[in-house]
Amino acid sequence: MNRTPVSSSNIRSIGYDQSLAILEVEFISNDVYQYFNVPEHLYQQFFQTSSHGQFLNDNIRYNYRYQKVS
């Protein structure tokens, strides 16, 4: 999945697969997580927010199933 770099102290890049509704987040630590069944509008909000880490914690991390992929 292609990811786009973001300006964040904890997150390096994020990507989204619209056909599968999978959000992919690469952290500064090089860990990559995929979050499942994330609506596209939520990805758009996440991508455009001024605090990616806070948005992830508040809206995605505890609300969607996820797995570590690397």
PDB file of N, CA and C in Angstrom:
ATOM      1  N   MET A   1       0.852  -1.177   0.000  1.00  0.00           N
ATOM      2  CA  MET A   1       0.000   0.000   0.000  1.00  0.00           C
ATOM      3  C   MET A   1       0.898   1.240   0.000  1.00  0.00           C
ATOM      4  N   ASN A   2       0.540   2.200  -0.806  1.00  0.00           N
ATOM      5  CA  ASN A   2       1.277   3.455  -0.822  1.00  0.00           C
ATOM      6  C   ASN A   2       0.854   4.300   0.369  1.00  0.00           C
ATOM      7  N   ARG A   3       1.849   4.836   1.056  1.00  0.00           N
ATOM      8  CA  ARG A   3       1.582   5.723   2.189  1.00  0.00           C
ATOM      9  C   ARG A   3       2.151   7.104   1.884  1.00  0.00           C
ATOM     10  N   THR A   4       1.557   8.101   2.501  1.00  0.00           N
ATOM     11  CA  THR A   4       1.989   9.478   2.339  1.00  0.00           C
ATOM     12  C   THR A   4       2.613   9.959   3.644  1.00  0.00           C
ATOM     13  N   PRO A   5       3.816  10.537   3.574  1.00  0.00           N
ATOM     14  CA  PRO A   5       4.437  11.072   4.800  1.00  0.00           C
ATOM     15  C   PRO A   5       3.578  12.172   5.418  1.00  0.00           C
ATOM     16  N   VAL A   6       3.569  12.213   6.747  1.00  0.00           N
ATOM     17  CA  VAL A   6       2.850  13.252   7.479  1.00  0.00           C
ATOM     18  C   VAL A   6       3.796  13.884   8.493  1.00  0.00           C
ATOM     19  N   SER A   7       3.453  15.071   8.919  1.00  0.00           N
ATOM     20  CA  SER A   7       4.237  15.784   9.919  1.00  0.00           C
ATOM     21  C   SER A   7       3.688  15.429  11.300  1.00  0.00           C
ATOM     22  N   SER A   8       4.419  14.564  12.004  1.00  0.00           N
ATOM     23  CA  SER A   8       3.962  14.089  13.303  1.00  0.00           C
ATOM     24  C   SER A   8       5.177  13.631  14.101  1.00  0.00           C
ATOM     25  N   SER A   9       5.109  13.766  15.406  1.00  0.00           N
ATOM     26  CA  SER A   9       6.216  13.317  16.249  1.00  0.00           C
ATOM     27  C   SER A   9       6.224  11.805  16.436  1.00  0.00           C
ATOM     28  N   ASN A  10       5.118  11.126  16.099  1.00  0.00           N
ATOM     29  CA  ASN A  10       5.003   9.693  16.341  1.00  0.00           C
ATOM     30  C   ASN A  10       4.680   8.881  15.085  1.00  0.00           C
ATOM     31  N   ILE A  11       4.084   9.517  14.090  1.00  0.00           N
ATOM     32  CA  ILE A  11       3.628   8.821  12.888  1.00  0.00           C
ATOM     33  C   ILE A  11       4.438   9.297  11.691  1.00  0.00           C
ATOM     34  N   ARG A  12       4.998   8.351  10.937  1.00  0.00           N
ATOM     35  CA  ARG A  12       5.807   8.690   9.764  1.00  0.00           C
ATOM     36  C   ARG A  12       4.947   8.871   8.511  1.00  0.00           C
ATOM     37  N   SER A  13       3.990   7.936   8.286  1.00  0.00           N
ATOM     38  CA  SER A  13       3.184   8.003   7.074  1.00  0.00           C
ATOM     39  C   SER A  13       1.875   7.267   7.279  1.00  0.00           C
ATOM     40  N   ILE A  14       0.891   7.614   6.431  1.00  0.00           N
ATOM     41  CA  ILE A  14      -0.399   6.927   6.464  1.00  0.00           C
ATOM     42  C   ILE A  14      -0.859   6.655   5.034  1.00  0.00           C
ATOM     43  N   GLY A  15      -1.616   5.577   4.890  1.00  0.00           N
ATOM     44  CA  GLY A  15      -2.169   5.218   3.591  1.00  0.00           C
ATOM     45  C   GLY A  15      -3.552   4.641   3.764  1.00  0.00           C
ATOM     46  N   TYR A  16      -4.276   4.531   2.650  1.00  0.00           N
ATOM     47  CA  TYR A  16      -5.647   4.028   2.717  1.00  0.00           C
ATOM     48  C   TYR A  16      -5.972   3.266   1.449  1.00  0.00           C
ATOM     49  N   ASP A  17      -6.542   2.088   1.616  1.00  0.00           N
ATOM     50  CA  ASP A  17      -7.032   1.297   0.490  1.00  0.00           C
ATOM     51  C   ASP A  17      -8.550   1.417   0.486  1.00  0.00           C
ATOM     52  N   GLN A  18      -9.051   2.210  -0.456  1.00  0.00           N
ATOM     53  CA  GLN A  18     -10.481   2.502  -0.512  1.00  0.00           C
ATOM     54  C   GLN A  18     -11.317   1.247  -0.768  1.00  0.00           C
ATOM     55  N   SER A  19     -10.836   0.351  -1.625  1.00  0.00           N
ATOM     56  CA  SER A  19     -11.630  -0.831  -1.975  1.00  0.00           C
ATOM     57  C   SER A  19     -11.769  -1.800  -0.803  1.00  0.00           C
ATOM     58  N   LEU A  20     -10.791  -1.808   0.102  1.00  0.00           N
ATOM     59  CA  LEU A  20     -10.833  -2.708   1.257  1.00  0.00           C
ATOM     60  C   LEU A  20     -11.136  -1.990   2.568  1.00  0.00           C
ATOM     61  N   ALA A  21     -11.175  -0.662   2.546  1.00  0.00           N
ATOM     62  CA  ALA A  21     -11.396   0.163   3.743  1.00  0.00           C
ATOM     63  C   ALA A  21     -10.354  -0.134   4.822  1.00  0.00           C
ATOM     64  N   ILE A  22      -9.096  -0.224   4.379  1.00  0.00           N
ATOM     65  CA  ILE A  22      -7.987  -0.471   5.301  1.00  0.00           C
ATOM     66  C   ILE A  22      -7.135   0.786   5.404  1.00  0.00           C
ATOM     67  N   LEU A  23      -6.929   1.224   6.627  1.00  0.00           N
ATOM     68  CA  LEU A  23      -6.042   2.334   6.931  1.00  0.00           C
ATOM     69  C   LEU A  23      -4.713   1.748   7.392  1.00  0.00           C
ATOM     70  N   GLU A  24      -3.619   2.228   6.820  1.00  0.00           N
ATOM     71  CA  GLU A  24      -2.299   1.738   7.204  1.00  0.00           C
ATOM     72  C   GLU A  24      -1.507   2.894   7.803  1.00  0.00           C
ATOM     73  N   VAL A  25      -0.908   2.654   8.958  1.00  0.00           N
ATOM     74  CA  VAL A  25      -0.163   3.685   9.676  1.00  0.00           C
ATOM     75  C   VAL A  25       1.245   3.180   9.950  1.00  0.00           C
ATOM     76  N   GLU A  26       2.232   3.954   9.503  1.00  0.00           N
ATOM     77  CA  GLU A  26       3.631   3.651   9.795  1.00  0.00           C
ATOM     78  C   GLU A  26       4.099   4.629  10.864  1.00  0.00           C
ATOM     79  N   PHE A  27       4.610   4.078  11.957  1.00  0.00           N
ATOM     80  CA  PHE A  27       5.078   4.901  13.059  1.00  0.00           C
ATOM     81  C   PHE A  27       6.567   5.203  12.903  1.00  0.00           C
ATOM     82  N   ILE A  28       7.041   6.185  13.624  1.00  0.00           N
ATOM     83  CA  ILE A  28       8.458   6.559  13.606  1.00  0.00           C
ATOM     84  C   ILE A  28       9.334   5.367  13.981  1.00  0.00           C
ATOM     85  N   SER A  29       8.810   4.474  14.798  1.00  0.00           N
ATOM     86  CA  SER A  29       9.540   3.277  15.237  1.00  0.00           C
ATOM     87  C   SER A  29       9.684   2.237  14.129  1.00  0.00           C
ATOM     88  N   ASN A  30       9.110   2.508  12.947  1.00  0.00           N
ATOM     89  CA  ASN A  30       9.065   1.595  11.793  1.00  0.00           C
ATOM     90  C   ASN A  30       8.008   0.513  11.914  1.00  0.00           C
ATOM     91  N   ASP A  31       7.251   0.477  13.005  1.00  0.00           N
ATOM     92  CA  ASP A  31       6.121  -0.448  13.107  1.00  0.00           C
ATOM     93  C   ASP A  31       5.022   0.021  12.153  1.00  0.00           C
ATOM     94  N   VAL A  32       4.369  -0.936  11.497  1.00  0.00           N
ATOM     95  CA  VAL A  32       3.265  -0.628  10.588  1.00  0.00           C
ATOM     96  C   VAL A  32       2.032  -1.398  11.062  1.00  0.00           C
ATOM     97  N   TYR A  33       0.925  -0.685  11.190  1.00  0.00           N
ATOM     98  CA  TYR A  33      -0.343  -1.279  11.603  1.00  0.00           C
ATOM     99  C   TYR A  33      -1.390  -1.027  10.536  1.00  0.00           C
ATOM    100  N   GLN A  34      -2.275  -2.007  10.375  1.00  0.00           N
ATOM    101  CA  GLN A  34      -3.433  -1.850   9.506  1.00  0.00           C
ATOM    102  C   GLN A  34      -4.688  -1.873  10.365  1.00  0.00           C
ATOM    103  N   TYR A  35      -5.562  -0.912  10.101  1.00  0.00           N
ATOM    104  CA  TYR A  35      -6.841  -0.788  10.790  1.00  0.00           C
ATOM    105  C   TYR A  35      -7.932  -1.095   9.781  1.00  0.00           C
ATOM    106  N   PHE A  36      -8.884  -1.957  10.172  1.00  0.00           N
ATOM    107  CA  PHE A  36      -9.853  -2.509   9.240  1.00  0.00           C
ATOM    108  C   PHE A  36     -11.218  -1.827   9.335  1.00  0.00           C
ATOM    109  N   ASN A  37     -11.893  -1.753   8.182  1.00  0.00           N
ATOM    110  CA  ASN A  37     -13.249  -1.196   8.069  1.00  0.00           C
ATOM    111  C   ASN A  37     -13.325   0.270   8.490  1.00  0.00           C
ATOM    112  N   VAL A  38     -12.271   1.010   8.211  1.00  0.00           N
ATOM    113  CA  VAL A  38     -12.247   2.443   8.514  1.00  0.00           C
ATOM    114  C   VAL A  38     -12.904   3.192   7.353  1.00  0.00           C
ATOM    115  N   PRO A  39     -13.943   3.967   7.626  1.00  0.00           N
ATOM    116  CA  PRO A  39     -14.607   4.714   6.548  1.00  0.00           C
ATOM    117  C   PRO A  39     -13.662   5.741   5.917  1.00  0.00           C
ATOM    118  N   GLU A  40     -13.847   5.970   4.640  1.00  0.00           N
ATOM    119  CA  GLU A  40     -12.967   6.893   3.918  1.00  0.00           C
ATOM    120  C   GLU A  40     -13.014   8.305   4.499  1.00  0.00           C
ATOM    121  N   HIS A  41     -14.198   8.748   4.943  1.00  0.00           N
ATOM    122  CA  HIS A  41     -14.280  10.102   5.503  1.00  0.00           C
ATOM    123  C   HIS A  41     -13.424  10.233   6.760  1.00  0.00           C
ATOM    124  N   LEU A  42     -13.300   9.150   7.526  1.00  0.00           N
ATOM    125  CA  LEU A  42     -12.465   9.190   8.726  1.00  0.00           C
ATOM    126  C   LEU A  42     -10.983   9.243   8.347  1.00  0.00           C
ATOM    127  N   TYR A  43     -10.615   8.500   7.307  1.00  0.00           N
ATOM    128  CA  TYR A  43      -9.240   8.590   6.801  1.00  0.00           C
ATOM    129  C   TYR A  43      -8.941  10.016   6.354  1.00  0.00           C
ATOM    130  N   GLN A  44      -9.852  10.650   5.635  1.00  0.00           N
ATOM    131  CA  GLN A  44      -9.642  12.015   5.158  1.00  0.00           C
ATOM    132  C   GLN A  44      -9.453  12.979   6.334  1.00  0.00           C
ATOM    133  N   GLN A  45     -10.264  12.823   7.359  1.00  0.00           N
ATOM    134  CA  GLN A  45     -10.125  13.663   8.555  1.00  0.00           C
ATOM    135  C   GLN A  45      -8.775  13.419   9.222  1.00  0.00           C
ATOM    136  N   PHE A  46      -8.384  12.164   9.310  1.00  0.00           N
ATOM    137  CA  PHE A  46      -7.111  11.785   9.919  1.00  0.00           C
ATOM    138  C   PHE A  46      -5.947  12.400   9.147  1.00  0.00           C
ATOM    139  N   PHE A  47      -6.022  12.314   7.821  1.00  0.00           N
ATOM    140  CA  PHE A  47      -4.954  12.834   6.982  1.00  0.00           C
ATOM    141  C   PHE A  47      -4.820  14.350   7.118  1.00  0.00           C
ATOM    142  N   GLN A  48      -5.945  15.040   7.307  1.00  0.00           N
ATOM    143  CA  GLN A  48      -5.940  16.500   7.318  1.00  0.00           C
ATOM    144  C   GLN A  48      -5.809  17.119   8.708  1.00  0.00           C
ATOM    145  N   THR A  49      -5.847  16.329   9.753  1.00  0.00           N
ATOM    146  CA  THR A  49      -5.813  16.882  11.102  1.00  0.00           C
ATOM    147  C   THR A  49      -4.436  17.473  11.432  1.00  0.00           C
ATOM    148  N   SER A  50      -4.414  18.352  12.394  1.00  0.00           N
ATOM    149  CA  SER A  50      -3.146  18.952  12.808  1.00  0.00           C
ATOM    150  C   SER A  50      -2.405  18.076  13.824  1.00  0.00           C
ATOM    151  N   SER A  51      -3.097  17.124  14.452  1.00  0.00           N
ATOM    152  CA  SER A  51      -2.454  16.219  15.413  1.00  0.00           C
ATOM    153  C   SER A  51      -2.822  14.775  15.070  1.00  0.00           C
ATOM    154  N   HIS A  52      -1.990  14.141  14.265  1.00  0.00           N
ATOM    155  CA  HIS A  52      -2.278  12.783  13.810  1.00  0.00           C
ATOM    156  C   HIS A  52      -2.324  11.778  14.964  1.00  0.00           C
ATOM    157  N   GLY A  53      -1.386  11.878  15.884  1.00  0.00           N
ATOM    158  CA  GLY A  53      -1.358  10.945  17.015  1.00  0.00           C
ATOM    159  C   GLY A  53      -2.594  11.053  17.877  1.00  0.00           C
ATOM    160  N   GLN A  54      -3.012  12.265  18.167  1.00  0.00           N
ATOM    161  CA  GLN A  54      -4.211  12.483  18.987  1.00  0.00           C
ATOM    162  C   GLN A  54      -5.448  11.975  18.270  1.00  0.00           C
ATOM    163  N   PHE A  55      -5.553  12.247  16.971  1.00  0.00           N
ATOM    164  CA  PHE A  55      -6.704  11.786  16.196  1.00  0.00           C
ATOM    165  C   PHE A  55      -6.754  10.261  16.170  1.00  0.00           C
ATOM    166  N   LEU A  56      -5.599   9.629  15.971  1.00  0.00           N
ATOM    167  CA  LEU A  56      -5.550   8.166  15.958  1.00  0.00           C
ATOM    168  C   LEU A  56      -6.044   7.604  17.283  1.00  0.00           C
ATOM    169  N   ASN A  57      -5.560   8.159  18.390  1.00  0.00           N
ATOM    170  CA  ASN A  57      -5.979   7.672  19.708  1.00  0.00           C
ATOM    171  C   ASN A  57      -7.453   7.930  19.980  1.00  0.00           C
ATOM    172  N   ASP A  58      -7.935   9.095  19.592  1.00  0.00           N
ATOM    173  CA  ASP A  58      -9.314   9.471  19.911  1.00  0.00           C
ATOM    174  C   ASP A  58     -10.358   8.805  19.019  1.00  0.00           C
ATOM    175  N   ASN A  59     -10.015   8.518  17.765  1.00  0.00           N
ATOM    176  CA  ASN A  59     -11.036   8.114  16.798  1.00  0.00           C
ATOM    177  C   ASN A  59     -10.829   6.759  16.129  1.00  0.00           C
ATOM    178  N   ILE A  60      -9.629   6.221  16.174  1.00  0.00           N
ATOM    179  CA  ILE A  60      -9.362   5.013  15.391  1.00  0.00           C
ATOM    180  C   ILE A  60      -8.844   3.855  16.241  1.00  0.00           C
ATOM    181  N   ARG A  61      -7.793   4.068  16.986  1.00  0.00           N
ATOM    182  CA  ARG A  61      -7.070   2.981  17.655  1.00  0.00           C
ATOM    183  C   ARG A  61      -7.982   2.047  18.458  1.00  0.00           C
ATOM    184  N   TYR A  62      -8.893   2.591  19.216  1.00  0.00           N
ATOM    185  CA  TYR A  62      -9.715   1.753  20.088  1.00  0.00           C
ATOM    186  C   TYR A  62     -11.089   1.432  19.504  1.00  0.00           C
ATOM    187  N   ASN A  63     -11.340   1.888  18.275  1.00  0.00           N
ATOM    188  CA  ASN A  63     -12.654   1.685  17.666  1.00  0.00           C
ATOM    189  C   ASN A  63     -12.658   0.725  16.482  1.00  0.00           C
ATOM    190  N   TYR A  64     -11.480   0.357  16.009  1.00  0.00           N
ATOM    191  CA  TYR A  64     -11.383  -0.505  14.832  1.00  0.00           C
ATOM    192  C   TYR A  64     -10.397  -1.633  15.091  1.00  0.00           C
ATOM    193  N   ARG A  65     -10.736  -2.795  14.546  1.00  0.00           N
ATOM    194  CA  ARG A  65      -9.842  -3.948  14.645  1.00  0.00           C
ATOM    195  C   ARG A  65      -8.563  -3.623  13.889  1.00  0.00           C
ATOM    196  N   TYR A  66      -7.434  -4.077  14.414  1.00  0.00           N
ATOM    197  CA  TYR A  66      -6.161  -3.780  13.770  1.00  0.00           C
ATOM    198  C   TYR A  66      -5.191  -4.945  13.936  1.00  0.00           C
ATOM    199  N   GLN A  67      -4.142  -4.904  13.141  1.00  0.00           N
ATOM    200  CA  GLN A  67      -3.057  -5.877  13.294  1.00  0.00           C
ATOM    201  C   GLN A  67      -1.743  -5.216  12.924  1.00  0.00           C
ATOM    202  N   LYS A  68      -0.694  -5.664  13.578  1.00  0.00           N
ATOM    203  CA  LYS A  68       0.648  -5.208  13.240  1.00  0.00           C
ATOM    204  C   LYS A  68       1.122  -6.001  12.036  1.00  0.00           C
ATOM    205  N   VAL A  69       1.617  -5.309  11.014  1.00  0.00           N
ATOM    206  CA  VAL A  69       2.061  -6.010   9.804  1.00  0.00           C
ATOM    207  C   VAL A  69       3.582  -5.988   9.646  1.00  0.00           C
ATOM    208  N   SER A  70       4.255  -5.120  10.359  1.00  0.00           N
ATOM    209  CA  SER A  70       5.731  -5.155  10.371  1.00  0.00           C
ATOM    210  C   SER A  70       6.263  -4.339  11.525  1.00  0.00           C
TER     211      SER A  70
END
